[in-house]
Amino acid sequence: MTSVSLDVLQRVAANATEIRPGDREILTRQLGRDPRGLVGIGARCACGAPAVTITYPRLPDGSPFPTLFYLSYPWLVREISRIESSGEMVAYNDRLAADPEFAAGHVRAHESYVARRDLLDEVPEIAGKSAGGMPDRVKCLHALAGYALAVGPGVCPAGDEALAQAGWDPNVCHCSSDDDEATA
């Protein structure tokens, strides 16, 4: 796997940090599998546990991987799943159709996502593709919330709203509510 400098990681995601000792083990517990193509951590819990991964756009086996930011933090994954299962996806997509400003923000988020991923590598098979349904719809709030958490507020409006709906606070640790699966 290609090594990525902290400078590049932080151009990809404002909240990015390098992989620390123990991060891979924590991520393996969070994800239920070894993290693939991991080049950095996009965001962390208040206690320091990984919350979002930054994944290289070409996996070690050579396959393209368009999902740059992957939400791994168990508490937030559950909260976003709750929002998705409550029918909120319809409301997000209705808003895209009815609110030109929100729709334009979604398109800008898509363009920014692709540009950020291209800082790591330009992969022709996924050129112009992003994640979470961008730029036309909201398909996966997990992808959009992970993106928003990694890059900070104001870049991905749908992700920002999903984080607010979930009650995410960067100053609050929810690891204890995960029965220690986030950091153990």
N, C-alpha and C. Protein backbone atom coordinates (compact mmCIF):
# COMPACT_ATOMS: atom_id res chain seq x y z
N MET A 1 0.85 -1.18 0.00
CA MET A 1 0.00 0.00 0.00
C MET A 1 0.89 1.24 0.00
N THR A 2 0.49 2.21 -0.75
CA THR A 2 1.22 3.46 -0.86
C THR A 2 1.11 4.23 0.45
N SER A 3 2.23 4.78 0.90
CA SER A 3 2.25 5.61 2.09
C SER A 3 1.81 7.03 1.69
N VAL A 4 1.04 7.66 2.56
CA VAL A 4 0.53 8.99 2.29
C VAL A 4 0.97 9.91 3.42
N SER A 5 1.53 11.06 3.07
CA SER A 5 1.99 12.00 4.09
C SER A 5 0.81 12.63 4.83
N LEU A 6 1.08 13.11 6.03
CA LEU A 6 0.04 13.79 6.82
C LEU A 6 -0.46 15.02 6.08
N ASP A 7 0.43 15.73 5.39
CA ASP A 7 0.02 16.91 4.62
C ASP A 7 -1.04 16.54 3.58
N VAL A 8 -0.79 15.48 2.84
CA VAL A 8 -1.77 15.05 1.83
C VAL A 8 -3.05 14.57 2.50
N LEU A 9 -2.92 13.79 3.57
CA LEU A 9 -4.12 13.32 4.29
C LEU A 9 -4.99 14.49 4.72
N GLN A 10 -4.37 15.55 5.22
CA GLN A 10 -5.14 16.69 5.71
C GLN A 10 -5.68 17.56 4.58
N ARG A 11 -5.14 17.43 3.39
CA ARG A 11 -5.75 18.06 2.21
C ARG A 11 -6.95 17.23 1.76
N VAL A 12 -6.89 15.93 1.97
CA VAL A 12 -8.01 15.05 1.66
C VAL A 12 -9.14 15.28 2.67
N ALA A 13 -8.79 15.38 3.94
CA ALA A 13 -9.78 15.53 5.01
C ALA A 13 -9.19 16.38 6.12
N ALA A 14 -9.85 17.47 6.44
CA ALA A 14 -9.35 18.40 7.44
C ALA A 14 -9.10 17.73 8.79
N ASN A 15 -9.90 16.73 9.13
CA ASN A 15 -9.78 16.07 10.43
C ASN A 15 -8.89 14.83 10.41
N ALA A 16 -8.19 14.61 9.31
CA ALA A 16 -7.39 13.40 9.14
C ALA A 16 -6.20 13.34 10.08
N THR A 17 -5.90 12.12 10.49
CA THR A 17 -4.68 11.82 11.24
C THR A 17 -4.05 10.57 10.64
N GLU A 18 -2.78 10.40 10.94
CA GLU A 18 -2.11 9.19 10.50
C GLU A 18 -2.62 8.01 11.33
N ILE A 19 -2.36 6.82 10.83
CA ILE A 19 -2.73 5.60 11.54
C ILE A 19 -1.83 5.48 12.76
N ARG A 20 -2.43 5.29 13.91
CA ARG A 20 -1.70 5.16 15.18
C ARG A 20 -1.61 3.70 15.59
N PRO A 21 -0.65 3.39 16.46
CA PRO A 21 -0.61 2.01 16.98
C PRO A 21 -1.96 1.66 17.61
N GLY A 22 -2.45 0.50 17.28
CA GLY A 22 -3.73 0.03 17.82
C GLY A 22 -4.93 0.34 16.94
N ASP A 23 -4.80 1.30 16.00
CA ASP A 23 -5.95 1.67 15.16
C ASP A 23 -6.46 0.50 14.33
N ARG A 24 -5.56 -0.26 13.72
CA ARG A 24 -5.99 -1.38 12.86
C ARG A 24 -6.78 -2.41 13.67
N GLU A 25 -6.32 -2.68 14.89
CA GLU A 25 -7.01 -3.65 15.74
C GLU A 25 -8.40 -3.14 16.12
N ILE A 26 -8.49 -1.86 16.47
CA ILE A 26 -9.79 -1.27 16.80
C ILE A 26 -10.71 -1.31 15.59
N LEU A 27 -10.19 -0.95 14.43
CA LEU A 27 -11.00 -0.96 13.22
C LEU A 27 -11.47 -2.37 12.87
N THR A 28 -10.62 -3.36 13.09
CA THR A 28 -11.01 -4.74 12.82
C THR A 28 -12.20 -5.13 13.70
N ARG A 29 -12.18 -4.71 14.96
CA ARG A 29 -13.32 -4.99 15.84
C ARG A 29 -14.56 -4.19 15.41
N GLN A 30 -14.36 -2.93 15.05
CA GLN A 30 -15.49 -2.12 14.63
C GLN A 30 -16.15 -2.66 13.37
N LEU A 31 -15.34 -3.03 12.40
CA LEU A 31 -15.84 -3.44 11.09
C LEU A 31 -16.19 -4.92 11.00
N GLY A 32 -15.61 -5.72 11.90
CA GLY A 32 -15.80 -7.16 11.83
C GLY A 32 -14.92 -7.81 10.76
N ARG A 33 -13.93 -7.06 10.28
CA ARG A 33 -12.98 -7.55 9.27
C ARG A 33 -11.77 -6.63 9.30
N ASP A 34 -10.69 -7.07 8.67
CA ASP A 34 -9.52 -6.20 8.55
C ASP A 34 -9.85 -5.03 7.63
N PRO A 35 -9.40 -3.82 7.99
CA PRO A 35 -9.62 -2.69 7.09
C PRO A 35 -8.77 -2.87 5.83
N ARG A 36 -9.37 -2.62 4.67
CA ARG A 36 -8.66 -2.77 3.40
C ARG A 36 -8.26 -1.41 2.86
N GLY A 37 -7.06 -1.31 2.35
CA GLY A 37 -6.63 -0.08 1.69
C GLY A 37 -6.52 1.12 2.60
N LEU A 38 -6.39 0.90 3.88
CA LEU A 38 -6.37 1.98 4.87
C LEU A 38 -5.12 2.85 4.70
N VAL A 39 -5.32 4.16 4.53
CA VAL A 39 -4.18 5.08 4.45
C VAL A 39 -4.19 6.12 5.56
N GLY A 40 -5.31 6.27 6.27
CA GLY A 40 -5.38 7.24 7.34
C GLY A 40 -6.71 7.13 8.06
N ILE A 41 -6.83 7.93 9.11
CA ILE A 41 -8.07 8.02 9.86
C ILE A 41 -8.68 9.38 9.55
N GLY A 42 -9.92 9.37 9.08
CA GLY A 42 -10.58 10.61 8.68
C GLY A 42 -11.14 11.42 9.83
N ALA A 43 -11.51 10.74 10.90
CA ALA A 43 -12.03 11.41 12.09
C ALA A 43 -11.96 10.44 13.25
N ARG A 44 -11.96 10.99 14.44
CA ARG A 44 -11.86 10.19 15.65
C ARG A 44 -12.91 10.61 16.66
N CYS A 45 -13.22 9.69 17.56
CA CYS A 45 -14.06 9.96 18.72
C CYS A 45 -13.30 10.91 19.64
N ALA A 46 -14.00 11.52 20.56
CA ALA A 46 -13.35 12.40 21.54
C ALA A 46 -12.25 11.68 22.30
N CYS A 47 -12.38 10.36 22.48
CA CYS A 47 -11.37 9.59 23.21
C CYS A 47 -10.20 9.17 22.33
N GLY A 48 -10.30 9.39 21.02
CA GLY A 48 -9.22 9.03 20.11
C GLY A 48 -9.47 7.80 19.27
N ALA A 49 -10.54 7.07 19.53
CA ALA A 49 -10.84 5.87 18.72
C ALA A 49 -11.19 6.29 17.29
N PRO A 50 -10.79 5.50 16.30
CA PRO A 50 -11.16 5.81 14.92
C PRO A 50 -12.68 5.86 14.75
N ALA A 51 -13.14 6.83 13.96
CA ALA A 51 -14.56 6.95 13.64
C ALA A 51 -14.81 6.84 12.14
N VAL A 52 -13.83 7.25 11.34
CA VAL A 52 -13.94 7.22 9.89
C VAL A 52 -12.58 6.81 9.32
N THR A 53 -12.59 5.90 8.36
CA THR A 53 -11.34 5.53 7.70
C THR A 53 -11.19 6.35 6.41
N ILE A 54 -9.94 6.49 6.00
CA ILE A 54 -9.63 7.00 4.66
C ILE A 54 -9.04 5.82 3.91
N THR A 55 -9.69 5.48 2.81
CA THR A 55 -9.32 4.29 2.04
C THR A 55 -8.74 4.70 0.69
N TYR A 56 -7.63 4.08 0.35
CA TYR A 56 -6.99 4.31 -0.94
C TYR A 56 -7.96 3.90 -2.05
N PRO A 57 -8.02 4.65 -3.16
CA PRO A 57 -9.01 4.35 -4.19
C PRO A 57 -8.73 3.10 -5.03
N ARG A 58 -7.62 2.45 -4.80
CA ARG A 58 -7.37 1.15 -5.42
C ARG A 58 -6.92 0.23 -4.30
N LEU A 59 -7.67 -0.84 -4.09
CA LEU A 59 -7.37 -1.77 -3.00
C LEU A 59 -6.11 -2.58 -3.32
N PRO A 60 -5.52 -3.19 -2.29
CA PRO A 60 -4.29 -3.96 -2.51
C PRO A 60 -4.41 -5.04 -3.59
N ASP A 61 -5.62 -5.56 -3.80
CA ASP A 61 -5.80 -6.59 -4.84
C ASP A 61 -5.95 -5.99 -6.24
N GLY A 62 -5.89 -4.65 -6.33
CA GLY A 62 -5.97 -3.98 -7.62
C GLY A 62 -7.35 -3.48 -8.00
N SER A 63 -8.37 -3.87 -7.25
CA SER A 63 -9.72 -3.44 -7.61
C SER A 63 -9.96 -1.99 -7.21
N PRO A 64 -10.70 -1.24 -8.04
CA PRO A 64 -11.02 0.15 -7.70
C PRO A 64 -11.99 0.20 -6.54
N PHE A 65 -11.85 1.24 -5.70
CA PHE A 65 -12.72 1.39 -4.54
C PHE A 65 -13.11 2.86 -4.42
N PRO A 66 -14.33 3.22 -4.83
CA PRO A 66 -14.71 4.64 -4.85
C PRO A 66 -14.97 5.25 -3.47
N THR A 67 -15.19 4.43 -2.45
CA THR A 67 -15.55 4.97 -1.13
C THR A 67 -14.30 5.42 -0.38
N LEU A 68 -14.03 6.70 -0.43
CA LEU A 68 -12.85 7.29 0.20
C LEU A 68 -12.98 7.30 1.72
N PHE A 69 -14.15 7.67 2.22
CA PHE A 69 -14.39 7.78 3.67
C PHE A 69 -15.39 6.71 4.09
N TYR A 70 -15.02 5.92 5.09
CA TYR A 70 -15.87 4.82 5.54
C TYR A 70 -16.17 4.99 7.02
N LEU A 71 -17.43 5.17 7.35
CA LEU A 71 -17.86 5.34 8.73
C LEU A 71 -17.69 4.03 9.48
N SER A 72 -16.90 4.03 10.55
CA SER A 72 -16.61 2.79 11.28
C SER A 72 -17.08 2.81 12.73
N TYR A 73 -17.35 3.97 13.27
CA TYR A 73 -17.64 4.13 14.69
C TYR A 73 -19.00 3.51 15.03
N PRO A 74 -19.04 2.44 15.81
CA PRO A 74 -20.27 1.66 16.02
C PRO A 74 -21.48 2.48 16.49
N TRP A 75 -21.31 3.36 17.44
CA TRP A 75 -22.44 4.14 17.93
C TRP A 75 -23.04 4.98 16.80
N LEU A 76 -22.19 5.63 16.03
CA LEU A 76 -22.68 6.49 14.96
C LEU A 76 -23.25 5.67 13.80
N VAL A 77 -22.65 4.52 13.52
CA VAL A 77 -23.20 3.63 12.49
C VAL A 77 -24.64 3.26 12.87
N ARG A 78 -24.86 2.91 14.14
CA ARG A 78 -26.22 2.55 14.60
C ARG A 78 -27.18 3.73 14.50
N GLU A 79 -26.72 4.91 14.90
CA GLU A 79 -27.60 6.08 14.86
C GLU A 79 -27.97 6.44 13.42
N ILE A 80 -27.02 6.37 12.52
CA ILE A 80 -27.31 6.66 11.11
C ILE A 80 -28.23 5.58 10.54
N SER A 81 -28.03 4.33 10.92
CA SER A 81 -28.94 3.26 10.48
C SER A 81 -30.36 3.52 10.95
N ARG A 82 -30.49 4.01 12.18
CA ARG A 82 -31.81 4.34 12.72
C ARG A 82 -32.48 5.43 11.87
N ILE A 83 -31.71 6.44 11.50
CA ILE A 83 -32.25 7.52 10.67
C ILE A 83 -32.68 6.98 9.30
N GLU A 84 -31.81 6.17 8.70
CA GLU A 84 -32.15 5.59 7.39
C GLU A 84 -33.42 4.75 7.46
N SER A 85 -33.52 3.92 8.50
CA SER A 85 -34.67 3.01 8.60
C SER A 85 -35.96 3.73 8.99
N SER A 86 -35.86 4.97 9.45
CA SER A 86 -37.06 5.72 9.83
C SER A 86 -37.76 6.36 8.64
N GLY A 87 -37.18 6.22 7.45
CA GLY A 87 -37.79 6.80 6.27
C GLY A 87 -37.25 8.16 5.88
N GLU A 88 -36.23 8.62 6.57
CA GLU A 88 -35.67 9.94 6.30
C GLU A 88 -35.05 10.07 4.91
N MET A 89 -34.70 8.94 4.31
CA MET A 89 -34.09 9.00 2.97
C MET A 89 -35.05 9.67 1.98
N VAL A 90 -36.32 9.39 2.12
CA VAL A 90 -37.32 10.01 1.24
C VAL A 90 -37.29 11.52 1.43
N ALA A 91 -37.23 11.98 2.67
CA ALA A 91 -37.21 13.42 2.95
C ALA A 91 -35.96 14.07 2.35
N TYR A 92 -34.82 13.42 2.48
CA TYR A 92 -33.59 13.97 1.90
C TYR A 92 -33.72 14.09 0.38
N ASN A 93 -34.23 13.06 -0.26
CA ASN A 93 -34.36 13.08 -1.72
C ASN A 93 -35.44 14.06 -2.18
N ASP A 94 -36.52 14.18 -1.42
CA ASP A 94 -37.53 15.19 -1.73
C ASP A 94 -36.93 16.59 -1.64
N ARG A 95 -36.09 16.80 -0.65
CA ARG A 95 -35.45 18.10 -0.48
C ARG A 95 -34.50 18.40 -1.64
N LEU A 96 -33.78 17.38 -2.11
CA LEU A 96 -32.92 17.59 -3.28
C LEU A 96 -33.73 18.08 -4.47
N ALA A 97 -34.92 17.53 -4.64
CA ALA A 97 -35.78 17.90 -5.77
C ALA A 97 -36.40 19.29 -5.59
N ALA A 98 -36.66 19.69 -4.36
CA ALA A 98 -37.42 20.92 -4.10
C ALA A 98 -36.56 22.12 -3.71
N ASP A 99 -35.35 21.88 -3.25
CA ASP A 99 -34.51 22.96 -2.70
C ASP A 99 -33.25 23.12 -3.56
N PRO A 100 -33.25 24.09 -4.47
CA PRO A 100 -32.11 24.26 -5.37
C PRO A 100 -30.78 24.50 -4.64
N GLU A 101 -30.83 25.21 -3.52
CA GLU A 101 -29.59 25.47 -2.77
C GLU A 101 -29.03 24.17 -2.17
N PHE A 102 -29.90 23.35 -1.61
CA PHE A 102 -29.48 22.07 -1.05
C PHE A 102 -28.94 21.17 -2.16
N ALA A 103 -29.63 21.15 -3.31
CA ALA A 103 -29.19 20.34 -4.45
C ALA A 103 -27.83 20.81 -4.97
N ALA A 104 -27.63 22.12 -5.05
CA ALA A 104 -26.35 22.65 -5.51
C ALA A 104 -25.23 22.29 -4.53
N GLY A 105 -25.53 22.32 -3.24
CA GLY A 105 -24.55 21.91 -2.23
C GLY A 105 -24.19 20.44 -2.36
N HIS A 106 -25.17 19.63 -2.73
CA HIS A 106 -24.94 18.19 -2.92
C HIS A 106 -24.03 17.95 -4.13
N VAL A 107 -24.24 18.71 -5.19
CA VAL A 107 -23.37 18.60 -6.38
C VAL A 107 -21.96 19.06 -6.02
N ARG A 108 -21.83 20.17 -5.30
CA ARG A 108 -20.49 20.63 -4.89
C ARG A 108 -19.80 19.61 -4.00
N ALA A 109 -20.57 18.96 -3.12
CA ALA A 109 -20.00 17.92 -2.25
C ALA A 109 -19.46 16.77 -3.10
N HIS A 110 -20.21 16.39 -4.12
CA HIS A 110 -19.77 15.33 -5.04
C HIS A 110 -18.45 15.72 -5.71
N GLU A 111 -18.39 16.92 -6.25
CA GLU A 111 -17.18 17.39 -6.95
C GLU A 111 -15.99 17.44 -6.01
N SER A 112 -16.21 17.89 -4.79
CA SER A 112 -15.15 17.95 -3.80
C SER A 112 -14.67 16.56 -3.42
N TYR A 113 -15.60 15.63 -3.29
CA TYR A 113 -15.27 14.24 -2.94
C TYR A 113 -14.33 13.64 -3.98
N VAL A 114 -14.69 13.79 -5.25
CA VAL A 114 -13.87 13.24 -6.33
C VAL A 114 -12.49 13.90 -6.33
N ALA A 115 -12.43 15.21 -6.16
CA ALA A 115 -11.14 15.92 -6.15
C ALA A 115 -10.28 15.46 -4.97
N ARG A 116 -10.89 15.25 -3.82
CA ARG A 116 -10.14 14.78 -2.64
C ARG A 116 -9.59 13.38 -2.88
N ARG A 117 -10.41 12.50 -3.44
CA ARG A 117 -9.95 11.13 -3.71
C ARG A 117 -8.81 11.15 -4.73
N ASP A 118 -8.92 12.02 -5.73
CA ASP A 118 -7.89 12.11 -6.76
C ASP A 118 -6.55 12.59 -6.21
N LEU A 119 -6.54 13.23 -5.05
CA LEU A 119 -5.27 13.60 -4.41
C LEU A 119 -4.47 12.36 -4.03
N LEU A 120 -5.17 11.26 -3.77
CA LEU A 120 -4.49 10.01 -3.43
C LEU A 120 -4.09 9.24 -4.67
N ASP A 121 -4.98 9.17 -5.65
CA ASP A 121 -4.70 8.47 -6.90
C ASP A 121 -5.89 8.68 -7.83
N GLU A 122 -5.61 8.87 -9.09
CA GLU A 122 -6.67 8.94 -10.09
C GLU A 122 -6.85 7.55 -10.67
N VAL A 123 -8.02 6.99 -10.45
CA VAL A 123 -8.33 5.63 -10.89
C VAL A 123 -9.39 5.73 -11.99
N PRO A 124 -9.01 5.44 -13.24
CA PRO A 124 -9.93 5.65 -14.37
C PRO A 124 -11.27 4.93 -14.21
N GLU A 125 -11.28 3.76 -13.62
CA GLU A 125 -12.53 2.98 -13.50
C GLU A 125 -13.58 3.67 -12.64
N ILE A 126 -13.15 4.58 -11.77
CA ILE A 126 -14.10 5.26 -10.88
C ILE A 126 -14.08 6.78 -11.08
N ALA A 127 -13.46 7.23 -12.16
CA ALA A 127 -13.39 8.67 -12.43
C ALA A 127 -14.80 9.27 -12.44
N GLY A 128 -14.96 10.36 -11.72
CA GLY A 128 -16.24 11.05 -11.69
C GLY A 128 -17.29 10.44 -10.78
N LYS A 129 -16.98 9.30 -10.17
CA LYS A 129 -17.93 8.65 -9.25
C LYS A 129 -17.55 9.02 -7.82
N SER A 130 -18.57 9.21 -7.00
CA SER A 130 -18.30 9.50 -5.58
C SER A 130 -18.98 8.43 -4.74
N ALA A 131 -19.75 8.84 -3.76
CA ALA A 131 -20.36 7.87 -2.84
C ALA A 131 -21.67 8.42 -2.31
N GLY A 132 -22.45 7.55 -1.73
CA GLY A 132 -23.66 7.96 -1.03
C GLY A 132 -24.79 8.43 -1.93
N GLY A 133 -24.67 8.21 -3.26
CA GLY A 133 -25.69 8.64 -4.18
C GLY A 133 -25.40 9.97 -4.86
N MET A 134 -24.35 10.66 -4.41
CA MET A 134 -24.03 11.95 -5.01
C MET A 134 -23.72 11.76 -6.50
N PRO A 135 -24.02 12.71 -7.35
CA PRO A 135 -24.58 14.02 -7.06
C PRO A 135 -26.11 14.10 -7.17
N ASP A 136 -26.76 13.01 -7.60
CA ASP A 136 -28.18 13.08 -7.94
C ASP A 136 -29.15 12.75 -6.82
N ARG A 137 -28.71 11.98 -5.85
CA ARG A 137 -29.65 11.53 -4.81
C ARG A 137 -28.90 11.25 -3.52
N VAL A 138 -29.66 10.97 -2.50
CA VAL A 138 -29.11 10.52 -1.22
C VAL A 138 -29.43 9.04 -1.13
N LYS A 139 -28.40 8.23 -1.21
CA LYS A 139 -28.57 6.78 -1.23
C LYS A 139 -28.05 6.13 0.05
N CYS A 140 -26.96 6.67 0.62
CA CYS A 140 -26.36 6.07 1.81
C CYS A 140 -25.91 7.17 2.77
N LEU A 141 -26.68 7.36 3.84
CA LEU A 141 -26.32 8.38 4.82
C LEU A 141 -25.03 8.04 5.56
N HIS A 142 -24.70 6.74 5.66
CA HIS A 142 -23.44 6.36 6.31
C HIS A 142 -22.26 6.97 5.56
N ALA A 143 -22.28 6.86 4.23
CA ALA A 143 -21.20 7.41 3.41
C ALA A 143 -21.14 8.93 3.54
N LEU A 144 -22.30 9.57 3.53
CA LEU A 144 -22.34 11.03 3.61
C LEU A 144 -21.95 11.53 4.99
N ALA A 145 -22.37 10.83 6.03
CA ALA A 145 -21.99 11.22 7.40
C ALA A 145 -20.49 11.03 7.61
N GLY A 146 -19.94 9.93 7.11
CA GLY A 146 -18.49 9.71 7.22
C GLY A 146 -17.71 10.79 6.50
N TYR A 147 -18.19 11.16 5.33
CA TYR A 147 -17.57 12.23 4.55
C TYR A 147 -17.60 13.54 5.33
N ALA A 148 -18.77 13.91 5.83
CA ALA A 148 -18.91 15.17 6.57
C ALA A 148 -18.05 15.18 7.82
N LEU A 149 -17.98 14.06 8.50
CA LEU A 149 -17.19 13.98 9.72
C LEU A 149 -15.70 14.16 9.41
N ALA A 150 -15.25 13.59 8.31
CA ALA A 150 -13.83 13.67 7.95
C ALA A 150 -13.42 15.06 7.47
N VAL A 151 -14.26 15.69 6.69
CA VAL A 151 -13.86 16.97 6.08
C VAL A 151 -14.28 18.18 6.89
N GLY A 152 -15.18 18.00 7.83
CA GLY A 152 -15.66 19.11 8.63
C GLY A 152 -16.92 19.72 8.05
N PRO A 153 -17.60 20.56 8.82
CA PRO A 153 -18.88 21.12 8.40
C PRO A 153 -18.76 22.06 7.20
N GLY A 154 -19.87 22.11 6.44
CA GLY A 154 -19.97 23.06 5.35
C GLY A 154 -19.60 22.51 3.98
N VAL A 155 -19.16 21.27 3.91
CA VAL A 155 -18.76 20.68 2.62
C VAL A 155 -19.84 19.75 2.08
N CYS A 156 -20.42 18.95 2.95
CA CYS A 156 -21.41 17.95 2.56
C CYS A 156 -22.70 18.20 3.35
N PRO A 157 -23.62 19.00 2.79
CA PRO A 157 -24.81 19.38 3.55
C PRO A 157 -25.64 18.20 4.06
N ALA A 158 -25.85 17.18 3.24
CA ALA A 158 -26.64 16.03 3.68
C ALA A 158 -25.93 15.29 4.82
N GLY A 159 -24.62 15.17 4.73
CA GLY A 159 -23.86 14.53 5.80
C GLY A 159 -23.89 15.34 7.07
N ASP A 160 -23.76 16.67 6.95
CA ASP A 160 -23.85 17.54 8.12
C ASP A 160 -25.19 17.36 8.82
N GLU A 161 -26.27 17.32 8.04
CA GLU A 161 -27.60 17.17 8.63
C GLU A 161 -27.78 15.81 9.27
N ALA A 162 -27.24 14.77 8.64
CA ALA A 162 -27.35 13.43 9.23
C ALA A 162 -26.61 13.37 10.56
N LEU A 163 -25.43 13.99 10.64
CA LEU A 163 -24.69 14.02 11.91
C LEU A 163 -25.49 14.76 12.98
N ALA A 164 -26.12 15.87 12.61
CA ALA A 164 -26.94 16.61 13.57
C ALA A 164 -28.13 15.77 14.03
N GLN A 165 -28.79 15.10 13.09
CA GLN A 165 -29.93 14.24 13.45
C GLN A 165 -29.50 13.11 14.38
N ALA A 166 -28.29 12.61 14.18
CA ALA A 166 -27.79 11.50 15.00
C ALA A 166 -27.38 11.97 16.39
N GLY A 167 -27.21 13.27 16.56
CA GLY A 167 -26.78 13.79 17.85
C GLY A 167 -25.27 13.71 18.05
N TRP A 168 -24.51 13.68 16.96
CA TRP A 168 -23.06 13.61 17.05
C TRP A 168 -22.51 14.87 17.69
N ASP A 169 -21.63 14.71 18.65
CA ASP A 169 -20.91 15.81 19.28
C ASP A 169 -19.46 15.38 19.35
N PRO A 170 -18.55 16.09 18.69
CA PRO A 170 -17.15 15.67 18.67
C PRO A 170 -16.48 15.69 20.04
N ASN A 171 -17.13 16.31 21.01
CA ASN A 171 -16.57 16.38 22.35
C ASN A 171 -17.09 15.31 23.29
N VAL A 172 -17.94 14.42 22.78
CA VAL A 172 -18.56 13.38 23.61
C VAL A 172 -18.13 12.01 23.11
N CYS A 173 -17.65 11.18 24.03
CA CYS A 173 -17.27 9.80 23.71
C CYS A 173 -18.48 8.90 23.94
N HIS A 174 -18.79 8.09 22.93
CA HIS A 174 -19.88 7.13 23.03
C HIS A 174 -19.37 5.70 23.08
N CYS A 175 -18.08 5.53 23.29
CA CYS A 175 -17.51 4.18 23.27
C CYS A 175 -18.10 3.28 24.35
N SER A 176 -18.41 3.82 25.51
CA SER A 176 -18.98 2.98 26.57
C SER A 176 -20.35 2.45 26.18
N SER A 177 -21.06 3.18 25.31
CA SER A 177 -22.37 2.69 24.86
C SER A 177 -22.22 1.61 23.80
N ASP A 178 -21.00 1.33 23.39
CA ASP A 178 -20.72 0.29 22.40
C ASP A 178 -20.22 -0.99 23.04
N ASP A 179 -20.37 -1.12 24.36
CA ASP A 179 -19.86 -2.29 25.06
C ASP A 179 -18.39 -2.52 24.73
N ASP A 180 -17.64 -1.41 24.65
CA ASP A 180 -16.20 -1.43 24.43
C ASP A 180 -15.77 -1.91 23.06
N GLU A 181 -16.69 -2.09 22.11
CA GLU A 181 -16.27 -2.57 20.79
C GLU A 181 -15.53 -1.49 20.00
N ALA A 182 -15.70 -0.23 20.37
CA ALA A 182 -15.03 0.84 19.62
C ALA A 182 -13.55 0.94 19.97
N THR A 183 -13.20 0.65 21.20
CA THR A 183 -11.81 0.87 21.61
C THR A 183 -11.15 -0.34 22.24
N ALA A 184 -11.91 -1.34 22.62
CA ALA A 184 -11.34 -2.47 23.36
C ALA A 184 -10.26 -3.19 22.58
